[in-house]
Amino acid sequence: MAGGDSSASEKKSSEASDDVPAFNAENMINNMKIVNYSRTFMSIIGGVIAGILGFTGLNGFIFYFLAMAITSVGLAAKAGFSTHSYFDCWNRIILDGFLGGLMSFVLFWTFAYDIVHIF
């Protein structure tokens, strides 16, 4: 009879744990900071590369979106493609901050372009 009670309580606890995923807020905030830092760093590096390569106009923006797509895949690979283990939804790692680094990209893109191709 004691074995029956423990198996019933195990079933209840496993069912309860399957219904609601638990996240630690501090870890979620830290993970989002890392994603934002990575995107900012990659936008700066991408801007410098685009400027050195001499991209102008639409080609530079296409390069930015390509660099951010590669960054998203890299971050997902770092998380082992199980984004639900580290984030509350997959949009956090794939799309969050996608346009956030655009101003940094344009700044370093024009700066590197001016240094290499104009001066």
PDB file of N, CA and C in Angstrom:
ATOM      1  N   MET A   1       0.807  -1.177   0.000  1.00  0.00           N
ATOM      2  CA  MET A   1       0.000   0.000   0.000  1.00  0.00           C
ATOM      3  C   MET A   1       0.864   1.259   0.000  1.00  0.00           C
ATOM      4  N   ALA A   2       1.982   1.259   0.646  1.00  0.00           N
ATOM      5  CA  ALA A   2       2.869   2.418   0.646  1.00  0.00           C
ATOM      6  C   ALA A   2       3.457   2.636  -0.739  1.00  0.00           C
ATOM      7  N   GLY A   3       3.735   1.542  -1.458  1.00  0.00           N
ATOM      8  CA  GLY A   3       4.271   1.663  -2.819  1.00  0.00           C
ATOM      9  C   GLY A   3       3.266   2.303  -3.750  1.00  0.00           C
ATOM     10  N   GLY A   4       2.006   2.007  -3.586  1.00  0.00           N
ATOM     11  CA  GLY A   4       0.966   2.608  -4.417  1.00  0.00           C
ATOM     12  C   GLY A   4       0.844   4.100  -4.178  1.00  0.00           C
ATOM     13  N   ASP A   5       0.997   4.507  -2.930  1.00  0.00           N
ATOM     14  CA  ASP A   5       0.897   5.935  -2.616  1.00  0.00           C
ATOM     15  C   ASP A   5       2.065   6.710  -3.202  1.00  0.00           C
ATOM     16  N   SER A   6       3.269   6.125  -3.163  1.00  0.00           N
ATOM     17  CA  SER A   6       4.430   6.846  -3.674  1.00  0.00           C
ATOM     18  C   SER A   6       4.377   6.951  -5.194  1.00  0.00           C
ATOM     19  N   SER A   7       3.871   5.912  -5.855  1.00  0.00           N
ATOM     20  CA  SER A   7       3.791   5.995  -7.317  1.00  0.00           C
ATOM     21  C   SER A   7       2.730   7.001  -7.745  1.00  0.00           C
ATOM     22  N   ALA A   8       1.661   7.094  -6.966  1.00  0.00           N
ATOM     23  CA  ALA A   8       0.629   8.083  -7.276  1.00  0.00           C
ATOM     24  C   ALA A   8       1.162   9.493  -7.064  1.00  0.00           C
ATOM     25  N   SER A   9       1.936   9.688  -6.005  1.00  0.00           N
ATOM     26  CA  SER A   9       2.497  11.024  -5.769  1.00  0.00           C
ATOM     27  C   SER A   9       3.556  11.357  -6.813  1.00  0.00           C
ATOM     28  N   GLU A  10       4.307  10.343  -7.286  1.00  0.00           N
ATOM     29  CA  GLU A  10       5.285  10.587  -8.339  1.00  0.00           C
ATOM     30  C   GLU A  10       4.589  10.979  -9.634  1.00  0.00           C
ATOM     31  N   LYS A  11       3.459  10.329  -9.939  1.00  0.00           N
ATOM     32  CA  LYS A  11       2.714  10.674 -11.141  1.00  0.00           C
ATOM     33  C   LYS A  11       2.181  12.097 -11.048  1.00  0.00           C
ATOM     34  N   LYS A  12       1.674  12.479  -9.881  1.00  0.00           N
ATOM     35  CA  LYS A  12       1.155  13.831  -9.710  1.00  0.00           C
ATOM     36  C   LYS A  12       2.266  14.868  -9.848  1.00  0.00           C
ATOM     37  N   SER A  13       3.421  14.591  -9.269  1.00  0.00           N
ATOM     38  CA  SER A  13       4.514  15.560  -9.347  1.00  0.00           C
ATOM     39  C   SER A  13       5.081  15.634 -10.753  1.00  0.00           C
ATOM     40  N   SER A  14       5.136  14.510 -11.477  1.00  0.00           N
ATOM     41  CA  SER A  14       5.640  14.557 -12.849  1.00  0.00           C
ATOM     42  C   SER A  14       4.646  15.246 -13.766  1.00  0.00           C
ATOM     43  N   GLU A  15       3.343  15.068 -13.522  1.00  0.00           N
ATOM     44  CA  GLU A  15       2.348  15.757 -14.326  1.00  0.00           C
ATOM     45  C   GLU A  15       2.387  17.259 -14.063  1.00  0.00           C
ATOM     46  N   ALA A  16       2.588  17.645 -12.838  1.00  0.00           N
ATOM     47  CA  ALA A  16       2.656  19.062 -12.490  1.00  0.00           C
ATOM     48  C   ALA A  16       3.902  19.704 -13.104  1.00  0.00           C
ATOM     49  N   SER A  17       5.015  18.984 -13.141  1.00  0.00           N
ATOM     50  CA  SER A  17       6.235  19.545 -13.707  1.00  0.00           C
ATOM     51  C   SER A  17       6.158  19.632 -15.222  1.00  0.00           C
ATOM     52  N   ASP A  18       5.346  18.795 -15.864  1.00  0.00           N
ATOM     53  CA  ASP A  18       5.204  18.862 -17.314  1.00  0.00           C
ATOM     54  C   ASP A  18       4.305  20.018 -17.739  1.00  0.00           C
ATOM     55  N   ASP A  19       3.403  20.444 -16.892  1.00  0.00           N
ATOM     56  CA  ASP A  19       2.451  21.485 -17.261  1.00  0.00           C
ATOM     57  C   ASP A  19       3.086  22.877 -17.313  1.00  0.00           C
ATOM     58  N   VAL A  20       3.872  23.230 -16.309  1.00  0.00           N
ATOM     59  CA  VAL A  20       4.399  24.583 -16.196  1.00  0.00           C
ATOM     60  C   VAL A  20       5.924  24.526 -16.154  1.00  0.00           C
ATOM     61  N   PRO A  21       6.580  25.086 -17.188  1.00  0.00           N
ATOM     62  CA  PRO A  21       8.046  25.133 -17.116  1.00  0.00           C
ATOM     63  C   PRO A  21       8.487  26.212 -16.136  1.00  0.00           C
ATOM     64  N   ALA A  22       9.508  25.927 -15.368  1.00  0.00           N
ATOM     65  CA  ALA A  22      10.005  26.879 -14.376  1.00  0.00           C
ATOM     66  C   ALA A  22      11.298  27.507 -14.881  1.00  0.00           C
ATOM     67  N   PHE A  23      11.365  28.825 -14.823  1.00  0.00           N
ATOM     68  CA  PHE A  23      12.553  29.552 -15.238  1.00  0.00           C
ATOM     69  C   PHE A  23      13.037  30.406 -14.085  1.00  0.00           C
ATOM     70  N   ASN A  24      14.344  30.542 -14.004  1.00  0.00           N
ATOM     71  CA  ASN A  24      14.938  31.431 -13.024  1.00  0.00           C
ATOM     72  C   ASN A  24      15.070  32.810 -13.682  1.00  0.00           C
ATOM     73  N   ALA A  25      14.479  33.832 -13.091  1.00  0.00           N
ATOM     74  CA  ALA A  25      14.454  35.169 -13.694  1.00  0.00           C
ATOM     75  C   ALA A  25      15.855  35.749 -13.871  1.00  0.00           C
ATOM     76  N   GLU A  26      16.731  35.526 -12.898  1.00  0.00           N
ATOM     77  CA  GLU A  26      18.097  36.046 -12.995  1.00  0.00           C
ATOM     78  C   GLU A  26      18.838  35.412 -14.164  1.00  0.00           C
ATOM     79  N   ASN A  27      18.658  34.104 -14.352  1.00  0.00           N
ATOM     80  CA  ASN A  27      19.307  33.431 -15.467  1.00  0.00           C
ATOM     81  C   ASN A  27      18.751  33.897 -16.806  1.00  0.00           C
ATOM     82  N   MET A  28      17.441  34.135 -16.867  1.00  0.00           N
ATOM     83  CA  MET A  28      16.833  34.623 -18.106  1.00  0.00           C
ATOM     84  C   MET A  28      17.375  36.015 -18.456  1.00  0.00           C
ATOM     85  N   ILE A  29      17.503  36.877 -17.466  1.00  0.00           N
ATOM     86  CA  ILE A  29      18.033  38.217 -17.702  1.00  0.00           C
ATOM     87  C   ILE A  29      19.486  38.141 -18.149  1.00  0.00           C
ATOM     88  N   ASN A  30      20.254  37.282 -17.520  1.00  0.00           N
ATOM     89  CA  ASN A  30      21.652  37.105 -17.901  1.00  0.00           C
ATOM     90  C   ASN A  30      21.764  36.571 -19.329  1.00  0.00           C
ATOM     91  N   ASN A  31      20.912  35.622 -19.694  1.00  0.00           N
ATOM     92  CA  ASN A  31      20.936  35.080 -21.055  1.00  0.00           C
ATOM     93  C   ASN A  31      20.598  36.157 -22.080  1.00  0.00           C
ATOM     94  N   MET A  32      19.629  37.006 -21.770  1.00  0.00           N
ATOM     95  CA  MET A  32      19.265  38.079 -22.694  1.00  0.00           C
ATOM     96  C   MET A  32      20.376  39.122 -22.800  1.00  0.00           C
ATOM     97  N   LYS A  33      21.081  39.382 -21.713  1.00  0.00           N
ATOM     98  CA  LYS A  33      22.224  40.298 -21.782  1.00  0.00           C
ATOM     99  C   LYS A  33      23.297  39.750 -22.699  1.00  0.00           C
ATOM    100  N   ILE A  34      23.547  38.456 -22.598  1.00  0.00           N
ATOM    101  CA  ILE A  34      24.555  37.828 -23.446  1.00  0.00           C
ATOM    102  C   ILE A  34      24.145  37.903 -24.909  1.00  0.00           C
ATOM    103  N   VAL A  35      22.872  37.674 -25.198  1.00  0.00           N
ATOM    104  CA  VAL A  35      22.379  37.772 -26.577  1.00  0.00           C
ATOM    105  C   VAL A  35      22.548  39.200 -27.090  1.00  0.00           C
ATOM    106  N   ASN A  36      22.189  40.190 -26.293  1.00  0.00           N
ATOM    107  CA  ASN A  36      22.321  41.589 -26.719  1.00  0.00           C
ATOM    108  C   ASN A  36      23.774  41.992 -26.907  1.00  0.00           C
ATOM    109  N   TYR A  37      24.666  41.561 -26.015  1.00  0.00           N
ATOM    110  CA  TYR A  37      26.084  41.861 -26.170  1.00  0.00           C
ATOM    111  C   TYR A  37      26.642  41.202 -27.429  1.00  0.00           C
ATOM    112  N   SER A  38      26.238  39.975 -27.679  1.00  0.00           N
ATOM    113  CA  SER A  38      26.715  39.268 -28.873  1.00  0.00           C
ATOM    114  C   SER A  38      26.241  39.953 -30.140  1.00  0.00           C
ATOM    115  N   ARG A  39      24.995  40.360 -30.160  1.00  0.00           N
ATOM    116  CA  ARG A  39      24.469  41.048 -31.348  1.00  0.00           C
ATOM    117  C   ARG A  39      25.146  42.405 -31.553  1.00  0.00           C
ATOM    118  N   THR A  40      25.382  43.141 -30.479  1.00  0.00           N
ATOM    119  CA  THR A  40      26.061  44.428 -30.607  1.00  0.00           C
ATOM    120  C   THR A  40      27.483  44.245 -31.105  1.00  0.00           C
ATOM    121  N   PHE A  41      28.188  43.279 -30.553  1.00  0.00           N
ATOM    122  CA  PHE A  41      29.560  43.005 -30.979  1.00  0.00           C
ATOM    123  C   PHE A  41      29.604  42.595 -32.439  1.00  0.00           C
ATOM    124  N   MET A  42      28.691  41.719 -32.841  1.00  0.00           N
ATOM    125  CA  MET A  42      28.680  41.272 -34.237  1.00  0.00           C
ATOM    126  C   MET A  42      28.259  42.386 -35.187  1.00  0.00           C
ATOM    127  N   SER A  43      27.411  43.308 -34.739  1.00  0.00           N
ATOM    128  CA  SER A  43      27.046  44.426 -35.608  1.00  0.00           C
ATOM    129  C   SER A  43      28.226  45.372 -35.795  1.00  0.00           C
ATOM    130  N   ILE A  44      29.033  45.564 -34.760  1.00  0.00           N
ATOM    131  CA  ILE A  44      30.227  46.394 -34.886  1.00  0.00           C
ATOM    132  C   ILE A  44      31.242  45.736 -35.807  1.00  0.00           C
ATOM    133  N   ILE A  45      31.504  44.465 -35.592  1.00  0.00           N
ATOM    134  CA  ILE A  45      32.448  43.740 -36.446  1.00  0.00           C
ATOM    135  C   ILE A  45      31.939  43.701 -37.881  1.00  0.00           C
ATOM    136  N   GLY A  46      30.652  43.446 -38.053  1.00  0.00           N
ATOM    137  CA  GLY A  46      30.068  43.422 -39.396  1.00  0.00           C
ATOM    138  C   GLY A  46      30.154  44.772 -40.076  1.00  0.00           C
ATOM    139  N   GLY A  47      29.959  45.861 -39.328  1.00  0.00           N
ATOM    140  CA  GLY A  47      30.080  47.200 -39.895  1.00  0.00           C
ATOM    141  C   GLY A  47      31.492  47.496 -40.362  1.00  0.00           C
ATOM    142  N   VAL A  48      32.466  47.095 -39.580  1.00  0.00           N
ATOM    143  CA  VAL A  48      33.861  47.304 -39.971  1.00  0.00           C
ATOM    144  C   VAL A  48      34.183  46.484 -41.222  1.00  0.00           C
ATOM    145  N   ILE A  49      33.738  45.247 -41.260  1.00  0.00           N
ATOM    146  CA  ILE A  49      33.999  44.404 -42.431  1.00  0.00           C
ATOM    147  C   ILE A  49      33.308  44.961 -43.673  1.00  0.00           C
ATOM    148  N   ALA A  50      32.057  45.405 -43.522  1.00  0.00           N
ATOM    149  CA  ALA A  50      31.334  45.975 -44.662  1.00  0.00           C
ATOM    150  C   ALA A  50      32.018  47.242 -45.162  1.00  0.00           C
ATOM    151  N   GLY A  51      32.536  48.055 -44.261  1.00  0.00           N
ATOM    152  CA  GLY A  51      33.238  49.265 -44.658  1.00  0.00           C
ATOM    153  C   GLY A  51      34.546  48.971 -45.360  1.00  0.00           C
ATOM    154  N   ILE A  52      35.294  48.002 -44.847  1.00  0.00           N
ATOM    155  CA  ILE A  52      36.567  47.636 -45.466  1.00  0.00           C
ATOM    156  C   ILE A  52      36.342  47.031 -46.850  1.00  0.00           C
ATOM    157  N   LEU A  53      35.300  46.204 -46.976  1.00  0.00           N
ATOM    158  CA  LEU A  53      35.014  45.590 -48.275  1.00  0.00           C
ATOM    159  C   LEU A  53      34.408  46.578 -49.269  1.00  0.00           C
ATOM    160  N   GLY A  54      34.001  47.741 -48.804  1.00  0.00           N
ATOM    161  CA  GLY A  54      33.505  48.777 -49.690  1.00  0.00           C
ATOM    162  C   GLY A  54      32.045  48.636 -50.081  1.00  0.00           C
ATOM    163  N   PHE A  55      31.263  47.979 -49.260  1.00  0.00           N
ATOM    164  CA  PHE A  55      29.835  47.854 -49.561  1.00  0.00           C
ATOM    165  C   PHE A  55      29.168  49.221 -49.437  1.00  0.00           C
ATOM    166  N   THR A  56      28.303  49.530 -50.372  1.00  0.00           N
ATOM    167  CA  THR A  56      27.546  50.772 -50.324  1.00  0.00           C
ATOM    168  C   THR A  56      26.080  50.470 -50.578  1.00  0.00           C
ATOM    169  N   GLY A  57      25.223  51.321 -50.051  1.00  0.00           N
ATOM    170  CA  GLY A  57      23.788  51.213 -50.308  1.00  0.00           C
ATOM    171  C   GLY A  57      23.165  49.944 -49.779  1.00  0.00           C
ATOM    172  N   LEU A  58      22.361  49.335 -50.613  1.00  0.00           N
ATOM    173  CA  LEU A  58      21.586  48.161 -50.222  1.00  0.00           C
ATOM    174  C   LEU A  58      22.479  46.957 -49.907  1.00  0.00           C
ATOM    175  N   ASN A  59      23.637  46.864 -50.555  1.00  0.00           N
ATOM    176  CA  ASN A  59      24.545  45.744 -50.289  1.00  0.00           C
ATOM    177  C   ASN A  59      25.003  45.709 -48.837  1.00  0.00           C
ATOM    178  N   GLY A  60      25.224  46.875 -48.253  1.00  0.00           N
ATOM    179  CA  GLY A  60      25.634  46.934 -46.852  1.00  0.00           C
ATOM    180  C   GLY A  60      24.544  46.462 -45.911  1.00  0.00           C
ATOM    181  N   PHE A  61      23.308  46.844 -46.192  1.00  0.00           N
ATOM    182  CA  PHE A  61      22.204  46.410 -45.339  1.00  0.00           C
ATOM    183  C   PHE A  61      21.929  44.921 -45.495  1.00  0.00           C
ATOM    184  N   ILE A  62      22.074  44.422 -46.691  1.00  0.00           N
ATOM    185  CA  ILE A  62      21.939  42.972 -46.900  1.00  0.00           C
ATOM    186  C   ILE A  62      23.017  42.236 -46.121  1.00  0.00           C
ATOM    187  N   PHE A  63      24.235  42.791 -46.104  1.00  0.00           N
ATOM    188  CA  PHE A  63      25.320  42.194 -45.332  1.00  0.00           C
ATOM    189  C   PHE A  63      24.992  42.194 -43.840  1.00  0.00           C
ATOM    190  N   TYR A  64      24.366  43.272 -43.364  1.00  0.00           N
ATOM    191  CA  TYR A  64      23.980  43.335 -41.953  1.00  0.00           C
ATOM    192  C   TYR A  64      22.977  42.240 -41.608  1.00  0.00           C
ATOM    193  N   PHE A  65      21.938  42.110 -42.423  1.00  0.00           N
ATOM    194  CA  PHE A  65      20.931  41.094 -42.142  1.00  0.00           C
ATOM    195  C   PHE A  65      21.514  39.688 -42.252  1.00  0.00           C
ATOM    196  N   LEU A  66      22.450  39.483 -43.146  1.00  0.00           N
ATOM    197  CA  LEU A  66      23.136  38.194 -43.243  1.00  0.00           C
ATOM    198  C   LEU A  66      23.979  37.936 -41.993  1.00  0.00           C
ATOM    199  N   ALA A  67      24.678  38.961 -41.523  1.00  0.00           N
ATOM    200  CA  ALA A  67      25.492  38.813 -40.308  1.00  0.00           C
ATOM    201  C   ALA A  67      24.618  38.523 -39.092  1.00  0.00           C
ATOM    202  N   MET A  68      23.460  39.169 -38.986  1.00  0.00           N
ATOM    203  CA  MET A  68      22.562  38.914 -37.865  1.00  0.00           C
ATOM    204  C   MET A  68      21.925  37.525 -37.953  1.00  0.00           C
ATOM    205  N   ALA A  69      21.666  37.050 -39.165  1.00  0.00           N
ATOM    206  CA  ALA A  69      21.140  35.692 -39.329  1.00  0.00           C
ATOM    207  C   ALA A  69      22.185  34.669 -38.901  1.00  0.00           C
ATOM    208  N   ILE A  70      23.434  34.907 -39.270  1.00  0.00           N
ATOM    209  CA  ILE A  70      24.514  34.002 -38.856  1.00  0.00           C
ATOM    210  C   ILE A  70      24.689  34.056 -37.344  1.00  0.00           C
ATOM    211  N   THR A  71      24.557  35.239 -36.754  1.00  0.00           N
ATOM    212  CA  THR A  71      24.640  35.375 -35.300  1.00  0.00           C
ATOM    213  C   THR A  71      23.515  34.604 -34.617  1.00  0.00           C
ATOM    214  N   SER A  72      22.300  34.687 -35.172  1.00  0.00           N
ATOM    215  CA  SER A  72      21.169  33.947 -34.598  1.00  0.00           C
ATOM    216  C   SER A  72      21.406  32.454 -34.638  1.00  0.00           C
ATOM    217  N   VAL A  73      21.917  31.960 -35.755  1.00  0.00           N
ATOM    218  CA  VAL A  73      22.205  30.526 -35.870  1.00  0.00           C
ATOM    219  C   VAL A  73      23.319  30.138 -34.904  1.00  0.00           C
ATOM    220  N   GLY A  74      24.320  30.991 -34.762  1.00  0.00           N
ATOM    221  CA  GLY A  74      25.409  30.715 -33.830  1.00  0.00           C
ATOM    222  C   GLY A  74      24.942  30.680 -32.383  1.00  0.00           C
ATOM    223  N   LEU A  75      24.069  31.604 -32.015  1.00  0.00           N
ATOM    224  CA  LEU A  75      23.537  31.608 -30.651  1.00  0.00           C
ATOM    225  C   LEU A  75      22.649  30.392 -30.399  1.00  0.00           C
ATOM    226  N   ALA A  76      21.866  30.012 -31.406  1.00  0.00           N
ATOM    227  CA  ALA A  76      21.033  28.817 -31.257  1.00  0.00           C
ATOM    228  C   ALA A  76      21.906  27.566 -31.151  1.00  0.00           C
ATOM    229  N   ALA A  77      22.994  27.527 -31.910  1.00  0.00           N
ATOM    230  CA  ALA A  77      23.913  26.393 -31.825  1.00  0.00           C
ATOM    231  C   ALA A  77      24.591  26.347 -30.463  1.00  0.00           C
ATOM    232  N   LYS A  78      24.948  27.511 -29.929  1.00  0.00           N
ATOM    233  CA  LYS A  78      25.554  27.568 -28.593  1.00  0.00           C
ATOM    234  C   LYS A  78      24.593  27.048 -27.534  1.00  0.00           C
ATOM    235  N   ALA A  79      23.281  27.287 -27.739  1.00  0.00           N
ATOM    236  CA  ALA A  79      22.263  26.795 -26.806  1.00  0.00           C
ATOM    237  C   ALA A  79      21.893  25.350 -27.108  1.00  0.00           C
ATOM    238  N   GLY A  80      22.558  24.733 -28.069  1.00  0.00           N
ATOM    239  CA  GLY A  80      22.280  23.336 -28.393  1.00  0.00           C
ATOM    240  C   GLY A  80      20.958  23.167 -29.129  1.00  0.00           C
ATOM    241  N   PHE A  81      20.507  24.217 -29.800  1.00  0.00           N
ATOM    242  CA  PHE A  81      19.237  24.238 -30.531  1.00  0.00           C
ATOM    243  C   PHE A  81      18.044  23.866 -29.653  1.00  0.00           C
ATOM    244  N   SER A  82      18.209  23.975 -28.351  1.00  0.00           N
ATOM    245  CA  SER A  82      17.088  23.785 -27.426  1.00  0.00           C
ATOM    246  C   SER A  82      16.858  25.107 -26.710  1.00  0.00           C
ATOM    247  N   THR A  83      16.291  26.047 -27.432  1.00  0.00           N
ATOM    248  CA  THR A  83      16.130  27.396 -26.897  1.00  0.00           C
ATOM    249  C   THR A  83      15.180  27.440 -25.712  1.00  0.00           C
ATOM    250  N   HIS A  84      14.282  26.471 -25.614  1.00  0.00           N
ATOM    251  CA  HIS A  84      13.329  26.473 -24.505  1.00  0.00           C
ATOM    252  C   HIS A  84      13.991  26.119 -23.177  1.00  0.00           C
ATOM    253  N   SER A  85      15.222  25.631 -23.216  1.00  0.00           N
ATOM    254  CA  SER A  85      15.945  25.361 -21.971  1.00  0.00           C
ATOM    255  C   SER A  85      16.523  26.642 -21.369  1.00  0.00           C
ATOM    256  N   TYR A  86      16.762  27.647 -22.216  1.00  0.00           N
ATOM    257  CA  TYR A  86      17.428  28.854 -21.756  1.00  0.00           C
ATOM    258  C   TYR A  86      16.577  30.114 -21.885  1.00  0.00           C
ATOM    259  N   PHE A  87      15.527  30.072 -22.721  1.00  0.00           N
ATOM    260  CA  PHE A  87      14.673  31.231 -22.970  1.00  0.00           C
ATOM    261  C   PHE A  87      13.226  30.798 -22.904  1.00  0.00           C
ATOM    262  N   ASP A  88      12.338  31.767 -22.664  1.00  0.00           N
ATOM    263  CA  ASP A  88      10.929  31.421 -22.560  1.00  0.00           C
ATOM    264  C   ASP A  88      10.289  31.167 -23.920  1.00  0.00           C
ATOM    265  N   CYS A  89      10.837  31.724 -25.000  1.00  0.00           N
ATOM    266  CA  CYS A  89      10.342  31.427 -26.345  1.00  0.00           C
ATOM    267  C   CYS A  89      11.502  31.549 -27.330  1.00  0.00           C
ATOM    268  N   TRP A  90      11.344  30.952 -28.481  1.00  0.00           N
ATOM    269  CA  TRP A  90      12.436  30.929 -29.461  1.00  0.00           C
ATOM    270  C   TRP A  90      12.675  32.304 -30.075  1.00  0.00           C
ATOM    271  N   ASN A  91      11.695  33.206 -30.019  1.00  0.00           N
ATOM    272  CA  ASN A  91      11.871  34.553 -30.565  1.00  0.00           C
ATOM    273  C   ASN A  91      12.962  35.323 -29.838  1.00  0.00           C
ATOM    274  N   ARG A  92      13.199  34.990 -28.581  1.00  0.00           N
ATOM    275  CA  ARG A  92      14.213  35.701 -27.798  1.00  0.00           C
ATOM    276  C   ARG A  92      15.599  35.551 -28.410  1.00  0.00           C
ATOM    277  N   ILE A  93      15.919  34.376 -28.882  1.00  0.00           N
ATOM    278  CA  ILE A  93      17.259  34.137 -29.405  1.00  0.00           C
ATOM    279  C   ILE A  93      17.349  34.428 -30.904  1.00  0.00           C
ATOM    280  N   ILE A  94      16.252  34.272 -31.618  1.00  0.00           N
ATOM    281  CA  ILE A  94      16.285  34.437 -33.063  1.00  0.00           C
ATOM    282  C   ILE A  94      16.056  35.891 -33.476  1.00  0.00           C
ATOM    283  N   LEU A  95      15.050  36.547 -32.922  1.00  0.00           N
ATOM    284  CA  LEU A  95      14.648  37.857 -33.414  1.00  0.00           C
ATOM    285  C   LEU A  95      14.917  39.018 -32.472  1.00  0.00           C
ATOM    286  N   ASP A  96      15.043  38.768 -31.181  1.00  0.00           N
ATOM    287  CA  ASP A  96      15.179  39.857 -30.224  1.00  0.00           C
ATOM    288  C   ASP A  96      16.498  40.594 -30.431  1.00  0.00           C
ATOM    289  N   GLY A  97      16.425  41.890 -30.622  1.00  0.00           N
ATOM    290  CA  GLY A  97      17.618  42.690 -30.836  1.00  0.00           C
ATOM    291  C   GLY A  97      18.133  42.658 -32.254  1.00  0.00           C
ATOM    292  N   PHE A  98      17.320  42.135 -33.174  1.00  0.00           N
ATOM    293  CA  PHE A  98      17.765  42.010 -34.563  1.00  0.00           C
ATOM    294  C   PHE A  98      18.045  43.379 -35.171  1.00  0.00           C
ATOM    295  N   LEU A  99      17.192  44.347 -34.872  1.00  0.00           N
ATOM    296  CA  LEU A  99      17.390  45.702 -35.393  1.00  0.00           C
ATOM    297  C   LEU A  99      18.086  46.610 -34.384  1.00  0.00           C
ATOM    298  N   GLY A 100      18.354  46.101 -33.200  1.00  0.00           N
ATOM    299  CA  GLY A 100      18.965  46.906 -32.150  1.00  0.00           C
ATOM    300  C   GLY A 100      20.381  47.353 -32.465  1.00  0.00           C
ATOM    301  N   GLY A 101      21.116  46.566 -33.175  1.00  0.00           N
ATOM    302  CA  GLY A 101      22.498  46.908 -33.499  1.00  0.00           C
ATOM    303  C   GLY A 101      22.664  47.620 -34.825  1.00  0.00           C
ATOM    304  N   LEU A 102      21.561  47.991 -35.449  1.00  0.00           N
ATOM    305  CA  LEU A 102      21.641  48.607 -36.775  1.00  0.00           C
ATOM    306  C   LEU A 102      22.367  49.946 -36.738  1.00  0.00           C
ATOM    307  N   MET A 103      22.138  50.748 -35.703  1.00  0.00           N
ATOM    308  CA  MET A 103      22.828  52.043 -35.635  1.00  0.00           C
ATOM    309  C   MET A 103      24.325  51.860 -35.418  1.00  0.00           C
ATOM    310  N   SER A 104      24.704  50.887 -34.595  1.00  0.00           N
ATOM    311  CA  SER A 104      26.133  50.607 -34.409  1.00  0.00           C
ATOM    312  C   SER A 104      26.755  50.119 -35.707  1.00  0.00           C
ATOM    313  N   PHE A 105      26.019  49.281 -36.427  1.00  0.00           N
ATOM    314  CA  PHE A 105      26.508  48.781 -37.710  1.00  0.00           C
ATOM    315  C   PHE A 105      26.746  49.931 -38.678  1.00  0.00           C
ATOM    316  N   VAL A 106      25.771  50.819 -38.810  1.00  0.00           N
ATOM    317  CA  VAL A 106      25.903  51.932 -39.755  1.00  0.00           C
ATOM    318  C   VAL A 106      27.042  52.858 -39.339  1.00  0.00           C
ATOM    319  N   LEU A 107      27.194  53.120 -38.053  1.00  0.00           N
ATOM    320  CA  LEU A 107      28.273  53.969 -37.564  1.00  0.00           C
ATOM    321  C   LEU A 107      29.638  53.403 -37.947  1.00  0.00           C
ATOM    322  N   PHE A 108      29.863  52.125 -37.629  1.00  0.00           N
ATOM    323  CA  PHE A 108      31.171  51.537 -37.911  1.00  0.00           C
ATOM    324  C   PHE A 108      31.354  51.237 -39.396  1.00  0.00           C
ATOM    325  N   TRP A 109      30.272  51.000 -40.106  1.00  0.00           N
ATOM    326  CA  TRP A 109      30.323  50.794 -41.545  1.00  0.00           C
ATOM    327  C   TRP A 109      30.819  52.071 -42.239  1.00  0.00           C
ATOM    328  N   THR A 110      30.197  53.197 -41.917  1.00  0.00           N
ATOM    329  CA  THR A 110      30.605  54.447 -42.550  1.00  0.00           C
ATOM    330  C   THR A 110      31.992  54.883 -42.087  1.00  0.00           C
ATOM    331  N   PHE A 111      32.311  54.643 -40.827  1.00  0.00           N
ATOM    332  CA  PHE A 111      33.633  55.000 -40.309  1.00  0.00           C
ATOM    333  C   PHE A 111      34.729  54.212 -41.016  1.00  0.00           C
ATOM    334  N   ALA A 112      34.570  52.904 -41.122  1.00  0.00           N
ATOM    335  CA  ALA A 112      35.577  52.069 -41.785  1.00  0.00           C
ATOM    336  C   ALA A 112      35.640  52.368 -43.280  1.00  0.00           C
ATOM    337  N   TYR A 113      34.507  52.631 -43.902  1.00  0.00           N
ATOM    338  CA  TYR A 113      34.491  52.967 -45.321  1.00  0.00           C
ATOM    339  C   TYR A 113      35.253  54.279 -45.567  1.00  0.00           C
ATOM    340  N   ASP A 114      35.009  55.276 -44.716  1.00  0.00           N
ATOM    341  CA  ASP A 114      35.692  56.550 -44.869  1.00  0.00           C
ATOM    342  C   ASP A 114      37.188  56.413 -44.684  1.00  0.00           C
ATOM    343  N   ILE A 115      37.603  55.653 -43.699  1.00  0.00           N
ATOM    344  CA  ILE A 115      39.037  55.499 -43.433  1.00  0.00           C
ATOM    345  C   ILE A 115      39.731  54.766 -44.582  1.00  0.00           C
ATOM    346  N   VAL A 116      39.118  53.720 -45.089  1.00  0.00           N
ATOM    347  CA  VAL A 116      39.786  52.890 -46.094  1.00  0.00           C
ATOM    348  C   VAL A 116      39.657  53.475 -47.499  1.00  0.00           C
ATOM    349  N   HIS A 117      38.470  53.944 -47.861  1.00  0.00           N
ATOM    350  CA  HIS A 117      38.230  54.298 -49.254  1.00  0.00           C
ATOM    351  C   HIS A 117      38.261  55.794 -49.545  1.00  0.00           C
ATOM    352  N   ILE A 118      38.093  56.648 -48.557  1.00  0.00           N
ATOM    353  CA  ILE A 118      38.069  58.083 -48.830  1.00  0.00           C
ATOM    354  C   ILE A 118      39.392  58.733 -48.419  1.00  0.00           C
ATOM    355  N   PHE A 119      39.899  58.447 -47.243  1.00  0.00           N
ATOM    356  CA  PHE A 119      41.141  59.060 -46.795  1.00  0.00           C
ATOM    357  C   PHE A 119      42.265  58.227 -47.272  1.00  0.00           C
TER     358      PHE A 119
END
